Amino acid sequence: MVILGKTCRLCVACEVLIAHRAEVEQLIGASLGGAAAVSPKYSVLGTVDTRVWRRGLAGGVSLDDVVQHMSDFKAHLRVDSAPAGWYPKEDTPANPLCS
């Protein structure tokens, strides 16, 4: 078990934490001694109180402390995005004023 010091974006309206997979995997790899590739089998369980995380850096926190001060996630969502918008046709210039 690893407790990361990762800050994430928060959607206040939805109460959803947003983290990029690459950033999380980079932190996991660094915490495991600089491993280049992270095994795809990991789970993020929730958030931990900042004071407990800081005590954990010094090695002064037990698993029971972590469990008591952890907020479990209600659900795991995977969001994929696809860019959308206006794209010019290949046979016309991108800006007709510059042609």
PDB file of N, CA and C in Angstrom:
ATOM      1  N   MET A   1       0.838  -1.165   0.000  1.00  0.00           N
ATOM      2  CA  MET A   1       0.000   0.000   0.000  1.00  0.00           C
ATOM      3  C   MET A   1       0.889   1.236   0.000  1.00  0.00           C
ATOM      4  N   VAL A   2       0.524   2.203  -0.821  1.00  0.00           N
ATOM      5  CA  VAL A   2       1.290   3.436  -0.946  1.00  0.00           C
ATOM      6  C   VAL A   2       0.352   4.614  -0.756  1.00  0.00           C
ATOM      7  N   ILE A   3       0.773   5.580   0.037  1.00  0.00           N
ATOM      8  CA  ILE A   3       0.003   6.813   0.177  1.00  0.00           C
ATOM      9  C   ILE A   3       0.754   7.884  -0.595  1.00  0.00           C
ATOM     10  N   LEU A   4       0.126   8.384  -1.645  1.00  0.00           N
ATOM     11  CA  LEU A   4       0.747   9.394  -2.497  1.00  0.00           C
ATOM     12  C   LEU A   4       0.356  10.797  -2.040  1.00  0.00           C
ATOM     13  N   GLY A   5       1.182  11.765  -2.313  1.00  0.00           N
ATOM     14  CA  GLY A   5       0.874  13.159  -2.023  1.00  0.00           C
ATOM     15  C   GLY A   5       0.348  13.851  -3.257  1.00  0.00           C
ATOM     16  N   LYS A   6      -0.597  13.248  -3.918  1.00  0.00           N
ATOM     17  CA  LYS A   6      -1.118  13.755  -5.194  1.00  0.00           C
ATOM     18  C   LYS A   6      -2.287  14.693  -4.948  1.00  0.00           C
ATOM     19  N   THR A   7      -2.201  15.895  -5.496  1.00  0.00           N
ATOM     20  CA  THR A   7      -3.349  16.789  -5.492  1.00  0.00           C
ATOM     21  C   THR A   7      -4.069  16.627  -6.822  1.00  0.00           C
ATOM     22  N   CYS A   8      -5.380  16.730  -6.776  1.00  0.00           N
ATOM     23  CA  CYS A   8      -6.207  16.494  -7.963  1.00  0.00           C
ATOM     24  C   CYS A   8      -7.158  17.652  -8.168  1.00  0.00           C
ATOM     25  N   ARG A   9      -7.724  17.694  -9.350  1.00  0.00           N
ATOM     26  CA  ARG A   9      -8.764  18.663  -9.639  1.00  0.00           C
ATOM     27  C   ARG A   9     -10.064  18.172  -9.030  1.00  0.00           C
ATOM     28  N   LEU A  10     -10.942  19.117  -8.689  1.00  0.00           N
ATOM     29  CA  LEU A  10     -12.215  18.771  -8.070  1.00  0.00           C
ATOM     30  C   LEU A  10     -13.343  19.471  -8.791  1.00  0.00           C
ATOM     31  N   CYS A  11     -14.344  18.732  -9.189  1.00  0.00           N
ATOM     32  CA  CYS A  11     -15.576  19.298  -9.716  1.00  0.00           C
ATOM     33  C   CYS A  11     -16.516  19.427  -8.525  1.00  0.00           C
ATOM     34  N   VAL A  12     -16.741  20.644  -8.080  1.00  0.00           N
ATOM     35  CA  VAL A  12     -17.557  20.872  -6.892  1.00  0.00           C
ATOM     36  C   VAL A  12     -19.009  20.468  -7.132  1.00  0.00           C
ATOM     37  N   ALA A  13     -19.522  20.733  -8.322  1.00  0.00           N
ATOM     38  CA  ALA A  13     -20.916  20.403  -8.621  1.00  0.00           C
ATOM     39  C   ALA A  13     -21.161  18.893  -8.570  1.00  0.00           C
ATOM     40  N   CYS A  14     -20.225  18.118  -9.098  1.00  0.00           N
ATOM     41  CA  CYS A  14     -20.392  16.656  -9.158  1.00  0.00           C
ATOM     42  C   CYS A  14     -19.760  15.929  -7.980  1.00  0.00           C
ATOM     43  N   GLU A  15     -18.919  16.620  -7.217  1.00  0.00           N
ATOM     44  CA  GLU A  15     -18.126  16.019  -6.147  1.00  0.00           C
ATOM     45  C   GLU A  15     -17.255  14.892  -6.680  1.00  0.00           C
ATOM     46  N   VAL A  16     -16.543  15.191  -7.782  1.00  0.00           N
ATOM     47  CA  VAL A  16     -15.690  14.209  -8.436  1.00  0.00           C
ATOM     48  C   VAL A  16     -14.254  14.720  -8.430  1.00  0.00           C
ATOM     49  N   LEU A  17     -13.331  13.865  -7.985  1.00  0.00           N
ATOM     50  CA  LEU A  17     -11.905  14.160  -8.100  1.00  0.00           C
ATOM     51  C   LEU A  17     -11.427  13.700  -9.460  1.00  0.00           C
ATOM     52  N   ILE A  18     -10.581  14.509 -10.089  1.00  0.00           N
ATOM     53  CA  ILE A  18     -10.106  14.197 -11.435  1.00  0.00           C
ATOM     54  C   ILE A  18      -8.587  14.110 -11.394  1.00  0.00           C
ATOM     55  N   ALA A  19      -8.062  12.969 -11.823  1.00  0.00           N
ATOM     56  CA  ALA A  19      -6.617  12.759 -11.869  1.00  0.00           C
ATOM     57  C   ALA A  19      -6.260  12.129 -13.203  1.00  0.00           C
ATOM     58  N   HIS A  20      -5.141  12.544 -13.766  1.00  0.00           N
ATOM     59  CA  HIS A  20      -4.668  11.946 -15.008  1.00  0.00           C
ATOM     60  C   HIS A  20      -3.921  10.661 -14.677  1.00  0.00           C
ATOM     61  N   ARG A  21      -4.229   9.641 -15.422  1.00  0.00           N
ATOM     62  CA  ARG A  21      -3.646   8.320 -15.192  1.00  0.00           C
ATOM     63  C   ARG A  21      -2.123   8.362 -15.254  1.00  0.00           C
ATOM     64  N   ALA A  22      -1.569   9.067 -16.226  1.00  0.00           N
ATOM     65  CA  ALA A  22      -0.111   9.130 -16.379  1.00  0.00           C
ATOM     66  C   ALA A  22       0.559   9.760 -15.158  1.00  0.00           C
ATOM     67  N   GLU A  23      -0.084  10.782 -14.579  1.00  0.00           N
ATOM     68  CA  GLU A  23       0.486  11.426 -13.397  1.00  0.00           C
ATOM     69  C   GLU A  23       0.475  10.489 -12.191  1.00  0.00           C
ATOM     70  N   VAL A  24      -0.617   9.762 -12.020  1.00  0.00           N
ATOM     71  CA  VAL A  24      -0.716   8.819 -10.903  1.00  0.00           C
ATOM     72  C   VAL A  24       0.317   7.704 -11.068  1.00  0.00           C
ATOM     73  N   GLU A  25       0.435   7.170 -12.268  1.00  0.00           N
ATOM     74  CA  GLU A  25       1.396   6.090 -12.505  1.00  0.00           C
ATOM     75  C   GLU A  25       2.831   6.555 -12.323  1.00  0.00           C
ATOM     76  N   GLN A  26       3.117   7.796 -12.685  1.00  0.00           N
ATOM     77  CA  GLN A  26       4.462   8.333 -12.483  1.00  0.00           C
ATOM     78  C   GLN A  26       4.779   8.420 -10.988  1.00  0.00           C
ATOM     79  N   LEU A  27       3.832   8.866 -10.184  1.00  0.00           N
ATOM     80  CA  LEU A  27       4.053   8.946  -8.737  1.00  0.00           C
ATOM     81  C   LEU A  27       4.197   7.567  -8.108  1.00  0.00           C
ATOM     82  N   ILE A  28       3.403   6.612  -8.572  1.00  0.00           N
ATOM     83  CA  ILE A  28       3.518   5.252  -8.054  1.00  0.00           C
ATOM     84  C   ILE A  28       4.887   4.681  -8.399  1.00  0.00           C
ATOM     85  N   GLY A  29       5.334   4.894  -9.631  1.00  0.00           N
ATOM     86  CA  GLY A  29       6.654   4.411 -10.037  1.00  0.00           C
ATOM     87  C   GLY A  29       7.771   5.037  -9.227  1.00  0.00           C
ATOM     88  N   ALA A  30       7.664   6.338  -8.957  1.00  0.00           N
ATOM     89  CA  ALA A  30       8.688   7.025  -8.164  1.00  0.00           C
ATOM     90  C   ALA A  30       8.700   6.516  -6.721  1.00  0.00           C
ATOM     91  N   SER A  31       7.527   6.222  -6.179  1.00  0.00           N
ATOM     92  CA  SER A  31       7.475   5.739  -4.797  1.00  0.00           C
ATOM     93  C   SER A  31       7.978   4.304  -4.664  1.00  0.00           C
ATOM     94  N   LEU A  32       7.997   3.585  -5.783  1.00  0.00           N
ATOM     95  CA  LEU A  32       8.500   2.209  -5.764  1.00  0.00           C
ATOM     96  C   LEU A  32       9.972   2.128  -6.131  1.00  0.00           C
ATOM     97  N   GLY A  33      10.672   3.217  -6.024  1.00  0.00           N
ATOM     98  CA  GLY A  33      12.102   3.209  -6.280  1.00  0.00           C
ATOM     99  C   GLY A  33      12.471   3.540  -7.709  1.00  0.00           C
ATOM    100  N   GLY A  34      11.631   4.307  -8.391  1.00  0.00           N
ATOM    101  CA  GLY A  34      11.953   4.735  -9.747  1.00  0.00           C
ATOM    102  C   GLY A  34      11.684   3.700 -10.806  1.00  0.00           C
ATOM    103  N   ALA A  35      10.766   2.790 -10.549  1.00  0.00           N
ATOM    104  CA  ALA A  35      10.430   1.783 -11.549  1.00  0.00           C
ATOM    105  C   ALA A  35       9.906   2.471 -12.804  1.00  0.00           C
ATOM    106  N   ALA A  36      10.384   2.061 -13.938  1.00  0.00           N
ATOM    107  CA  ALA A  36      10.013   2.707 -15.196  1.00  0.00           C
ATOM    108  C   ALA A  36       8.569   2.426 -15.570  1.00  0.00           C
ATOM    109  N   ALA A  37       8.134   1.214 -15.384  1.00  0.00           N
ATOM    110  CA  ALA A  37       6.774   0.855 -15.773  1.00  0.00           C
ATOM    111  C   ALA A  37       6.004   0.394 -14.543  1.00  0.00           C
ATOM    112  N   VAL A  38       4.779   0.852 -14.434  1.00  0.00           N
ATOM    113  CA  VAL A  38       3.931   0.478 -13.321  1.00  0.00           C
ATOM    114  C   VAL A  38       2.998  -0.624 -13.781  1.00  0.00           C
ATOM    115  N   SER A  39       2.822  -1.605 -12.952  1.00  0.00           N
ATOM    116  CA  SER A  39       1.887  -2.674 -13.266  1.00  0.00           C
ATOM    117  C   SER A  39       0.491  -2.089 -13.430  1.00  0.00           C
ATOM    118  N   PRO A  40      -0.255  -2.545 -14.419  1.00  0.00           N
ATOM    119  CA  PRO A  40      -1.592  -1.996 -14.618  1.00  0.00           C
ATOM    120  C   PRO A  40      -2.582  -2.401 -13.524  1.00  0.00           C
ATOM    121  N   LYS A  41      -2.162  -3.222 -12.593  1.00  0.00           N
ATOM    122  CA  LYS A  41      -3.062  -3.680 -11.539  1.00  0.00           C
ATOM    123  C   LYS A  41      -2.828  -2.880 -10.264  1.00  0.00           C
ATOM    124  N   TYR A  42      -3.482  -1.740 -10.177  1.00  0.00           N
ATOM    125  CA  TYR A  42      -3.468  -0.959  -8.955  1.00  0.00           C
ATOM    126  C   TYR A  42      -4.840  -0.326  -8.809  1.00  0.00           C
ATOM    127  N   SER A  43      -5.197   0.014  -7.596  1.00  0.00           N
ATOM    128  CA  SER A  43      -6.470   0.660  -7.319  1.00  0.00           C
ATOM    129  C   SER A  43      -6.242   1.845  -6.409  1.00  0.00           C
ATOM    130  N   VAL A  44      -6.919   2.918  -6.685  1.00  0.00           N
ATOM    131  CA  VAL A  44      -6.904   4.088  -5.817  1.00  0.00           C
ATOM    132  C   VAL A  44      -8.115   3.944  -4.915  1.00  0.00           C
ATOM    133  N   LEU A  45      -7.872   3.874  -3.614  1.00  0.00           N
ATOM    134  CA  LEU A  45      -8.946   3.570  -2.679  1.00  0.00           C
ATOM    135  C   LEU A  45      -9.698   4.790  -2.181  1.00  0.00           C
ATOM    136  N   GLY A  46      -9.018   5.924  -2.056  1.00  0.00           N
ATOM    137  CA  GLY A  46      -9.677   7.110  -1.534  1.00  0.00           C
ATOM    138  C   GLY A  46      -8.673   8.194  -1.213  1.00  0.00           C
ATOM    139  N   THR A  47      -9.119   9.139  -0.415  1.00  0.00           N
ATOM    140  CA  THR A  47      -8.264  10.247  -0.002  1.00  0.00           C
ATOM    141  C   THR A  47      -7.950  10.098   1.484  1.00  0.00           C
ATOM    142  N   VAL A  48      -6.817  10.654   1.882  1.00  0.00           N
ATOM    143  CA  VAL A  48      -6.384  10.577   3.269  1.00  0.00           C
ATOM    144  C   VAL A  48      -6.165  11.994   3.772  1.00  0.00           C
ATOM    145  N   ASP A  49      -6.492  12.214   5.023  1.00  0.00           N
ATOM    146  CA  ASP A  49      -6.265  13.504   5.657  1.00  0.00           C
ATOM    147  C   ASP A  49      -4.790  13.892   5.521  1.00  0.00           C
ATOM    148  N   THR A  50      -4.546  15.159   5.238  1.00  0.00           N
ATOM    149  CA  THR A  50      -3.177  15.642   4.998  1.00  0.00           C
ATOM    150  C   THR A  50      -2.267  15.416   6.199  1.00  0.00           C
ATOM    151  N   ARG A  51      -2.788  15.573   7.401  1.00  0.00           N
ATOM    152  CA  ARG A  51      -1.955  15.367   8.601  1.00  0.00           C
ATOM    153  C   ARG A  51      -1.490  13.918   8.725  1.00  0.00           C
ATOM    154  N   VAL A  52      -2.369  12.999   8.383  1.00  0.00           N
ATOM    155  CA  VAL A  52      -2.002  11.576   8.436  1.00  0.00           C
ATOM    156  C   VAL A  52      -0.964  11.274   7.372  1.00  0.00           C
ATOM    157  N   TRP A  53      -1.120  11.842   6.181  1.00  0.00           N
ATOM    158  CA  TRP A  53      -0.139  11.636   5.105  1.00  0.00           C
ATOM    159  C   TRP A  53       1.228  12.145   5.534  1.00  0.00           C
ATOM    160  N   ARG A  54       1.275  13.325   6.156  1.00  0.00           N
ATOM    161  CA  ARG A  54       2.573  13.881   6.599  1.00  0.00           C
ATOM    162  C   ARG A  54       3.218  13.014   7.678  1.00  0.00           C
ATOM    163  N   ARG A  55       2.411  12.501   8.598  1.00  0.00           N
ATOM    164  CA  ARG A  55       2.963  11.585   9.595  1.00  0.00           C
ATOM    165  C   ARG A  55       3.484  10.318   8.937  1.00  0.00           C
ATOM    166  N   GLY A  56       2.821   9.882   7.869  1.00  0.00           N
ATOM    167  CA  GLY A  56       3.263   8.698   7.140  1.00  0.00           C
ATOM    168  C   GLY A  56       4.605   8.876   6.472  1.00  0.00           C
ATOM    169  N   LEU A  57       4.924  10.124   6.067  1.00  0.00           N
ATOM    170  CA  LEU A  57       6.236  10.385   5.478  1.00  0.00           C
ATOM    171  C   LEU A  57       7.356  10.108   6.468  1.00  0.00           C
ATOM    172  N   ALA A  58       7.089  10.369   7.729  1.00  0.00           N
ATOM    173  CA  ALA A  58       8.092  10.137   8.767  1.00  0.00           C
ATOM    174  C   ALA A  58       8.021   8.708   9.304  1.00  0.00           C
ATOM    175  N   GLY A  59       7.056   7.924   8.825  1.00  0.00           N
ATOM    176  CA  GLY A  59       6.927   6.540   9.268  1.00  0.00           C
ATOM    177  C   GLY A  59       6.160   6.391  10.566  1.00  0.00           C
ATOM    178  N   GLY A  60       5.473   7.449  11.010  1.00  0.00           N
ATOM    179  CA  GLY A  60       4.778   7.399  12.290  1.00  0.00           C
ATOM    180  C   GLY A  60       3.284   7.202  12.176  1.00  0.00           C
ATOM    181  N   VAL A  61       2.826   6.428  11.199  1.00  0.00           N
ATOM    182  CA  VAL A  61       1.392   6.189  11.054  1.00  0.00           C
ATOM    183  C   VAL A  61       1.149   4.696  10.846  1.00  0.00           C
ATOM    184  N   SER A  62       0.103   4.214  11.486  1.00  0.00           N
ATOM    185  CA  SER A  62      -0.233   2.799  11.350  1.00  0.00           C
ATOM    186  C   SER A  62      -1.347   2.631  10.323  1.00  0.00           C
ATOM    187  N   LEU A  63      -1.570   1.412   9.918  1.00  0.00           N
ATOM    188  CA  LEU A  63      -2.634   1.118   8.969  1.00  0.00           C
ATOM    189  C   LEU A  63      -4.001   1.481   9.555  1.00  0.00           C
ATOM    190  N   ASP A  64      -4.166   1.287  10.847  1.00  0.00           N
ATOM    191  CA  ASP A  64      -5.434   1.655  11.498  1.00  0.00           C
ATOM    192  C   ASP A  64      -5.669   3.165  11.433  1.00  0.00           C
ATOM    193  N   ASP A  65      -4.615   3.966  11.605  1.00  0.00           N
ATOM    194  CA  ASP A  65      -4.741   5.421  11.481  1.00  0.00           C
ATOM    195  C   ASP A  65      -5.170   5.821  10.076  1.00  0.00           C
ATOM    196  N   VAL A  66      -4.583   5.174   9.089  1.00  0.00           N
ATOM    197  CA  VAL A  66      -4.925   5.473   7.700  1.00  0.00           C
ATOM    198  C   VAL A  66      -6.384   5.135   7.433  1.00  0.00           C
ATOM    199  N   VAL A  67      -6.837   3.978   7.898  1.00  0.00           N
ATOM    200  CA  VAL A  67      -8.216   3.561   7.672  1.00  0.00           C
ATOM    201  C   VAL A  67      -9.189   4.516   8.364  1.00  0.00           C
ATOM    202  N   GLN A  68      -8.873   4.968   9.556  1.00  0.00           N
ATOM    203  CA  GLN A  68      -9.752   5.872  10.292  1.00  0.00           C
ATOM    204  C   GLN A  68      -9.841   7.249   9.643  1.00  0.00           C
ATOM    205  N   HIS A  69      -8.778   7.703   8.981  1.00  0.00           N
ATOM    206  CA  HIS A  69      -8.733   9.049   8.404  1.00  0.00           C
ATOM    207  C   HIS A  69      -8.833   9.041   6.884  1.00  0.00           C
ATOM    208  N   MET A  70      -9.342   7.957   6.321  1.00  0.00           N
ATOM    209  CA  MET A  70      -9.462   7.851   4.877  1.00  0.00           C
ATOM    210  C   MET A  70     -10.920   8.008   4.459  1.00  0.00           C
ATOM    211  N   SER A  71     -11.126   8.734   3.371  1.00  0.00           N
ATOM    212  CA  SER A  71     -12.452   8.850   2.764  1.00  0.00           C
ATOM    213  C   SER A  71     -12.467   7.955   1.537  1.00  0.00           C
ATOM    214  N   ASP A  72     -13.263   6.915   1.589  1.00  0.00           N
ATOM    215  CA  ASP A  72     -13.345   5.966   0.479  1.00  0.00           C
ATOM    216  C   ASP A  72     -14.079   6.597  -0.697  1.00  0.00           C
ATOM    217  N   PHE A  73     -13.722   6.191  -1.897  1.00  0.00           N
ATOM    218  CA  PHE A  73     -14.431   6.620  -3.084  1.00  0.00           C
ATOM    219  C   PHE A  73     -15.720   5.818  -3.210  1.00  0.00           C
ATOM    220  N   LYS A  74     -16.772   6.487  -3.652  1.00  0.00           N
ATOM    221  CA  LYS A  74     -18.060   5.811  -3.856  1.00  0.00           C
ATOM    222  C   LYS A  74     -18.077   5.041  -5.162  1.00  0.00           C
ATOM    223  N   ALA A  75     -17.371   5.540  -6.175  1.00  0.00           N
ATOM    224  CA  ALA A  75     -17.377   4.897  -7.493  1.00  0.00           C
ATOM    225  C   ALA A  75     -16.083   5.236  -8.212  1.00  0.00           C
ATOM    226  N   HIS A  76     -15.747   4.416  -9.190  1.00  0.00           N
ATOM    227  CA  HIS A  76     -14.590   4.651 -10.041  1.00  0.00           C
ATOM    228  C   HIS A  76     -15.109   4.944 -11.431  1.00  0.00           C
ATOM    229  N   LEU A  77     -14.732   6.081 -11.984  1.00  0.00           N
ATOM    230  CA  LEU A  77     -15.172   6.466 -13.317  1.00  0.00           C
ATOM    231  C   LEU A  77     -13.971   6.562 -14.232  1.00  0.00           C
ATOM    232  N   ARG A  78     -14.153   6.127 -15.453  1.00  0.00           N
ATOM    233  CA  ARG A  78     -13.119   6.299 -16.471  1.00  0.00           C
ATOM    234  C   ARG A  78     -13.710   7.216 -17.528  1.00  0.00           C
ATOM    235  N   VAL A  79     -13.040   8.324 -17.752  1.00  0.00           N
ATOM    236  CA  VAL A  79     -13.526   9.312 -18.701  1.00  0.00           C
ATOM    237  C   VAL A  79     -12.523   9.415 -19.835  1.00  0.00           C
ATOM    238  N   ASP A  80     -12.972   9.128 -21.022  1.00  0.00           N
ATOM    239  CA  ASP A  80     -12.158   9.301 -22.219  1.00  0.00           C
ATOM    240  C   ASP A  80     -12.683  10.514 -22.960  1.00  0.00           C
ATOM    241  N   SER A  81     -11.779  11.323 -23.472  1.00  0.00           N
ATOM    242  CA  SER A  81     -12.220  12.503 -24.204  1.00  0.00           C
ATOM    243  C   SER A  81     -11.798  12.390 -25.660  1.00  0.00           C
ATOM    244  N   ALA A  82     -12.624  12.932 -26.502  1.00  0.00           N
ATOM    245  CA  ALA A  82     -12.330  12.993 -27.927  1.00  0.00           C
ATOM    246  C   ALA A  82     -12.463  14.451 -28.345  1.00  0.00           C
ATOM    247  N   PRO A  83     -11.446  15.008 -28.980  1.00  0.00           N
ATOM    248  CA  PRO A  83     -11.539  16.408 -29.364  1.00  0.00           C
ATOM    249  C   PRO A  83     -12.673  16.619 -30.358  1.00  0.00           C
ATOM    250  N   ALA A  84     -13.357  17.721 -30.214  1.00  0.00           N
ATOM    251  CA  ALA A  84     -14.449  18.057 -31.123  1.00  0.00           C
ATOM    252  C   ALA A  84     -14.296  19.506 -31.551  1.00  0.00           C
ATOM    253  N   GLY A  85     -14.903  19.845 -32.618  1.00  0.00           N
ATOM    254  CA  GLY A  85     -14.836  21.224 -33.074  1.00  0.00           C
ATOM    255  C   GLY A  85     -14.866  21.297 -34.578  1.00  0.00           C
ATOM    256  N   TRP A  86     -14.578  22.441 -35.070  1.00  0.00           N
ATOM    257  CA  TRP A  86     -14.587  22.682 -36.505  1.00  0.00           C
ATOM    258  C   TRP A  86     -13.204  22.401 -37.058  1.00  0.00           C
ATOM    259  N   TYR A  87     -13.153  21.574 -38.080  1.00  0.00           N
ATOM    260  CA  TYR A  87     -11.900  21.283 -38.750  1.00  0.00           C
ATOM    261  C   TYR A  87     -12.066  21.622 -40.223  1.00  0.00           C
ATOM    262  N   PRO A  88     -11.128  22.349 -40.816  1.00  0.00           N
ATOM    263  CA  PRO A  88     -11.254  22.719 -42.229  1.00  0.00           C
ATOM    264  C   PRO A  88     -11.057  21.506 -43.135  1.00  0.00           C
ATOM    265  N   LYS A  89     -11.660  21.575 -44.293  1.00  0.00           N
ATOM    266  CA  LYS A  89     -11.457  20.522 -45.280  1.00  0.00           C
ATOM    267  C   LYS A  89     -10.017  20.596 -45.774  1.00  0.00           C
ATOM    268  N   GLU A  90      -9.492  19.491 -46.193  1.00  0.00           N
ATOM    269  CA  GLU A  90      -8.088  19.450 -46.598  1.00  0.00           C
ATOM    270  C   GLU A  90      -7.827  20.228 -47.874  1.00  0.00           C
ATOM    271  N   ASP A  91      -8.823  20.383 -48.741  1.00  0.00           N
ATOM    272  CA  ASP A  91      -8.597  21.065 -50.018  1.00  0.00           C
ATOM    273  C   ASP A  91      -8.755  22.583 -49.917  1.00  0.00           C
ATOM    274  N   THR A  92      -9.171  23.102 -48.741  1.00  0.00           N
ATOM    275  CA  THR A  92      -9.291  24.547 -48.581  1.00  0.00           C
ATOM    276  C   THR A  92      -8.267  25.016 -47.569  1.00  0.00           C
ATOM    277  N   PRO A  93      -7.771  26.239 -47.701  1.00  0.00           N
ATOM    278  CA  PRO A  93      -6.806  26.748 -46.720  1.00  0.00           C
ATOM    279  C   PRO A  93      -7.475  26.934 -45.352  1.00  0.00           C
ATOM    280  N   ALA A  94      -6.647  26.842 -44.317  1.00  0.00           N
ATOM    281  CA  ALA A  94      -7.169  26.969 -42.956  1.00  0.00           C
ATOM    282  C   ALA A  94      -7.757  28.368 -42.730  1.00  0.00           C
ATOM    283  N   ASN A  95      -7.133  29.379 -43.301  1.00  0.00           N
ATOM    284  CA  ASN A  95      -7.619  30.753 -43.157  1.00  0.00           C
ATOM    285  C   ASN A  95      -7.781  31.340 -44.561  1.00  0.00           C
ATOM    286  N   PRO A  96      -9.000  31.546 -45.051  1.00  0.00           N
ATOM    287  CA  PRO A  96      -9.176  32.029 -46.418  1.00  0.00           C
ATOM    288  C   PRO A  96      -8.608  33.426 -46.630  1.00  0.00           C
ATOM    289  N   LEU A  97      -8.391  34.197 -45.584  1.00  0.00           N
ATOM    290  CA  LEU A  97      -7.846  35.544 -45.739  1.00  0.00           C
ATOM    291  C   LEU A  97      -6.347  35.513 -46.045  1.00  0.00           C
ATOM    292  N   CYS A  98      -5.698  34.414 -45.736  1.00  0.00           N
ATOM    293  CA  CYS A  98      -4.251  34.307 -45.933  1.00  0.00           C
ATOM    294  C   CYS A  98      -3.887  33.586 -47.225  1.00  0.00           C
ATOM    295  N   SER A  99      -4.819  33.230 -48.074  1.00  0.00           N
ATOM    296  CA  SER A  99      -4.501  32.435 -49.243  1.00  0.00           C
ATOM    297  C   SER A  99      -3.958  33.218 -50.363  1.00  0.00           C
TER     298      SER A  99
END
